[in-house]
Amino acid sequence: MGLDIRLPLGLLFTVLGLLLVVWGALANPAISQRSLGYNVNVIWGAVLLAFGLLFVSVSRRKLERPGGKPGEEQPPSAGPAPGAGRTPGPGEPGGPDQADADR
């Protein structure tokens, strides 16, 4: 399915976050006294802004990959060969019981 909603949602959260940050920065400081002196609009605007930018960056990274169409998964990359880097077990050449037999 080709539906990828990360970009529109990321843009929505980014715009709302920017609006809240600007609104909180320009608001009367007396309003902050009701919330124990914290400017909640600026704080939550920054949270929404960060969340939106994260969504936008993830969706753009997905689109920038070769063949990275929205909604299309990439095949896994070829990893190490099966058994590569594993230690031999008992009964295998070079295994723990083989080392004892060589002594």
C-alpha atoms as a PDB file:
ATOM      1  CA  MET A   1       0.000   0.000   0.000  1.00  0.00           C
ATOM      2  CA  GLY A   2       1.444   3.375  -0.988  1.00  0.00           C
ATOM      3  CA  LEU A   3      -0.012   5.485   1.830  1.00  0.00           C
ATOM      4  CA  ASP A   4       2.648   7.190   3.956  1.00  0.00           C
ATOM      5  CA  ILE A   5       1.234   9.742   6.368  1.00  0.00           C
ATOM      6  CA  ARG A   6       4.499  10.582   8.155  1.00  0.00           C
ATOM      7  CA  LEU A   7       5.200  13.660   6.032  1.00  0.00           C
ATOM      8  CA  PRO A   8       1.757  15.322   6.367  1.00  0.00           C
ATOM      9  CA  LEU A   9       1.601  14.534  10.088  1.00  0.00           C
ATOM     10  CA  GLY A  10       5.144  15.801  10.577  1.00  0.00           C
ATOM     11  CA  LEU A  11       4.297  19.040   8.828  1.00  0.00           C
ATOM     12  CA  LEU A  12       1.111  19.405  10.875  1.00  0.00           C
ATOM     13  CA  PHE A  13       2.928  18.935  14.197  1.00  0.00           C
ATOM     14  CA  THR A  14       5.754  21.241  13.072  1.00  0.00           C
ATOM     15  CA  VAL A  15       3.367  24.064  12.167  1.00  0.00           C
ATOM     16  CA  LEU A  16       1.362  23.655  15.386  1.00  0.00           C
ATOM     17  CA  GLY A  17       4.577  23.587  17.414  1.00  0.00           C
ATOM     18  CA  LEU A  18       5.820  26.763  15.753  1.00  0.00           C
ATOM     19  CA  LEU A  19       2.484  28.475  16.404  1.00  0.00           C
ATOM     20  CA  LEU A  20       2.575  27.520  20.084  1.00  0.00           C
ATOM     21  CA  VAL A  21       6.192  28.628  20.532  1.00  0.00           C
ATOM     22  CA  VAL A  22       5.522  32.009  18.914  1.00  0.00           C
ATOM     23  CA  TRP A  23       2.246  32.440  20.818  1.00  0.00           C
ATOM     24  CA  GLY A  24       3.917  31.602  24.134  1.00  0.00           C
ATOM     25  CA  ALA A  25       6.900  33.857  23.461  1.00  0.00           C
ATOM     26  CA  LEU A  26       4.704  36.837  22.597  1.00  0.00           C
ATOM     27  CA  ALA A  27       2.075  36.280  25.316  1.00  0.00           C
ATOM     28  CA  ASN A  28       1.741  38.303  28.476  1.00  0.00           C
ATOM     29  CA  PRO A  29       4.112  36.902  31.152  1.00  0.00           C
ATOM     30  CA  ALA A  30       1.345  37.207  33.751  1.00  0.00           C
ATOM     31  CA  ILE A  31      -0.412  34.254  32.113  1.00  0.00           C
ATOM     32  CA  SER A  32       2.536  32.020  33.091  1.00  0.00           C
ATOM     33  CA  GLN A  33       1.915  32.697  36.776  1.00  0.00           C
ATOM     34  CA  ARG A  34      -1.140  30.437  36.694  1.00  0.00           C
ATOM     35  CA  SER A  35       1.072  27.504  35.720  1.00  0.00           C
ATOM     36  CA  LEU A  36       3.659  27.961  38.502  1.00  0.00           C
ATOM     37  CA  GLY A  37       5.707  30.361  36.375  1.00  0.00           C
ATOM     38  CA  TYR A  38       6.246  27.941  33.496  1.00  0.00           C
ATOM     39  CA  ASN A  39       5.377  29.088  30.013  1.00  0.00           C
ATOM     40  CA  VAL A  40       3.503  25.925  29.037  1.00  0.00           C
ATOM     41  CA  ASN A  41       2.826  27.155  25.511  1.00  0.00           C
ATOM     42  CA  VAL A  42       6.539  27.458  24.748  1.00  0.00           C
ATOM     43  CA  ILE A  43       7.372  24.116  26.377  1.00  0.00           C
ATOM     44  CA  TRP A  44       4.670  22.122  24.595  1.00  0.00           C
ATOM     45  CA  GLY A  45       5.277  24.040  21.373  1.00  0.00           C
ATOM     46  CA  ALA A  46       8.909  22.916  21.499  1.00  0.00           C
ATOM     47  CA  VAL A  47       7.804  19.316  22.135  1.00  0.00           C
ATOM     48  CA  LEU A  48       5.398  19.402  19.171  1.00  0.00           C
ATOM     49  CA  LEU A  49       8.030  21.060  17.009  1.00  0.00           C
ATOM     50  CA  ALA A  50      10.626  18.379  17.834  1.00  0.00           C
ATOM     51  CA  PHE A  51       8.107  15.579  17.243  1.00  0.00           C
ATOM     52  CA  GLY A  52       7.062  17.077  13.905  1.00  0.00           C
ATOM     53  CA  LEU A  53      10.641  17.540  12.754  1.00  0.00           C
ATOM     54  CA  LEU A  54      11.381  13.930  13.707  1.00  0.00           C
ATOM     55  CA  PHE A  55       8.466  12.725  11.567  1.00  0.00           C
ATOM     56  CA  VAL A  56       9.539  14.914   8.642  1.00  0.00           C
ATOM     57  CA  SER A  57      13.157  13.748   8.828  1.00  0.00           C
ATOM     58  CA  VAL A  58      12.146  10.065   8.997  1.00  0.00           C
ATOM     59  CA  SER A  59       9.814  10.408   6.027  1.00  0.00           C
ATOM     60  CA  ARG A  60      12.426  12.307   3.997  1.00  0.00           C
ATOM     61  CA  ARG A  61      15.090   9.715   4.816  1.00  0.00           C
ATOM     62  CA  LYS A  62      12.737   6.989   3.577  1.00  0.00           C
ATOM     63  CA  LEU A  63      12.200   8.890   0.312  1.00  0.00           C
ATOM     64  CA  GLU A  64      15.929   9.581  -0.230  1.00  0.00           C
ATOM     65  CA  ARG A  65      16.908   5.888  -0.209  1.00  0.00           C
ATOM     66  CA  PRO A  66      17.401   4.320  -3.644  1.00  0.00           C
ATOM     67  CA  GLY A  67      14.010   3.048  -4.693  1.00  0.00           C
ATOM     68  CA  GLY A  68      12.506   4.333  -1.445  1.00  0.00           C
ATOM     69  CA  LYS A  69       8.940   4.937  -2.447  1.00  0.00           C
ATOM     70  CA  PRO A  70       6.473   5.610   0.368  1.00  0.00           C
ATOM     71  CA  GLY A  71       5.043   2.396   1.747  1.00  0.00           C
ATOM     72  CA  GLU A  72       7.627   0.201   0.023  1.00  0.00           C
ATOM     73  CA  GLU A  73       9.895  -1.834   2.272  1.00  0.00           C
ATOM     74  CA  GLN A  74      13.510  -2.434   1.307  1.00  0.00           C
ATOM     75  CA  PRO A  75      14.894  -6.002   1.249  1.00  0.00           C
ATOM     76  CA  PRO A  76      17.321  -6.713   4.098  1.00  0.00           C
ATOM     77  CA  SER A  77      20.974  -6.282   3.261  1.00  0.00           C
ATOM     78  CA  ALA A  78      23.140  -9.344   2.924  1.00  0.00           C
ATOM     79  CA  GLY A  79      24.724  -9.990   6.315  1.00  0.00           C
ATOM     80  CA  PRO A  80      27.560 -12.322   7.206  1.00  0.00           C
ATOM     81  CA  ALA A  81      27.459 -15.880   5.936  1.00  0.00           C
ATOM     82  CA  PRO A  82      25.590 -18.350   8.155  1.00  0.00           C
ATOM     83  CA  GLY A  83      27.920 -19.642  10.840  1.00  0.00           C
ATOM     84  CA  ALA A  84      30.517 -16.919  10.272  1.00  0.00           C
ATOM     85  CA  GLY A  85      32.177 -15.836  13.489  1.00  0.00           C
ATOM     86  CA  ARG A  86      30.749 -18.660  15.602  1.00  0.00           C
ATOM     87  CA  THR A  87      32.911 -20.861  17.765  1.00  0.00           C
ATOM     88  CA  PRO A  88      32.965 -24.604  17.012  1.00  0.00           C
ATOM     89  CA  GLY A  89      30.922 -26.783  19.337  1.00  0.00           C
ATOM     90  CA  PRO A  90      31.740 -30.134  20.929  1.00  0.00           C
ATOM     91  CA  GLY A  91      32.466 -32.825  18.373  1.00  0.00           C
ATOM     92  CA  GLU A  92      33.434 -30.314  15.658  1.00  0.00           C
ATOM     93  CA  PRO A  93      37.039 -29.827  14.511  1.00  0.00           C
ATOM     94  CA  GLY A  94      38.611 -27.208  16.757  1.00  0.00           C
ATOM     95  CA  GLY A  95      35.849 -27.625  19.370  1.00  0.00           C
ATOM     96  CA  PRO A  96      36.407 -27.842  23.135  1.00  0.00           C
ATOM     97  CA  ASP A  97      36.664 -31.634  23.296  1.00  0.00           C
ATOM     98  CA  GLN A  98      39.075 -31.658  20.319  1.00  0.00           C
ATOM     99  CA  ALA A  99      41.507 -29.396  22.192  1.00  0.00           C
ATOM    100  CA  ASP A 100      41.551 -31.808  25.142  1.00  0.00           C
ATOM    101  CA  ALA A 101      42.262 -34.785  22.836  1.00  0.00           C
ATOM    102  CA  ASP A 102      45.254 -33.026  21.318  1.00  0.00           C
ATOM    103  CA  ARG A 103      47.047 -32.778  24.692  1.00  0.00           C
END
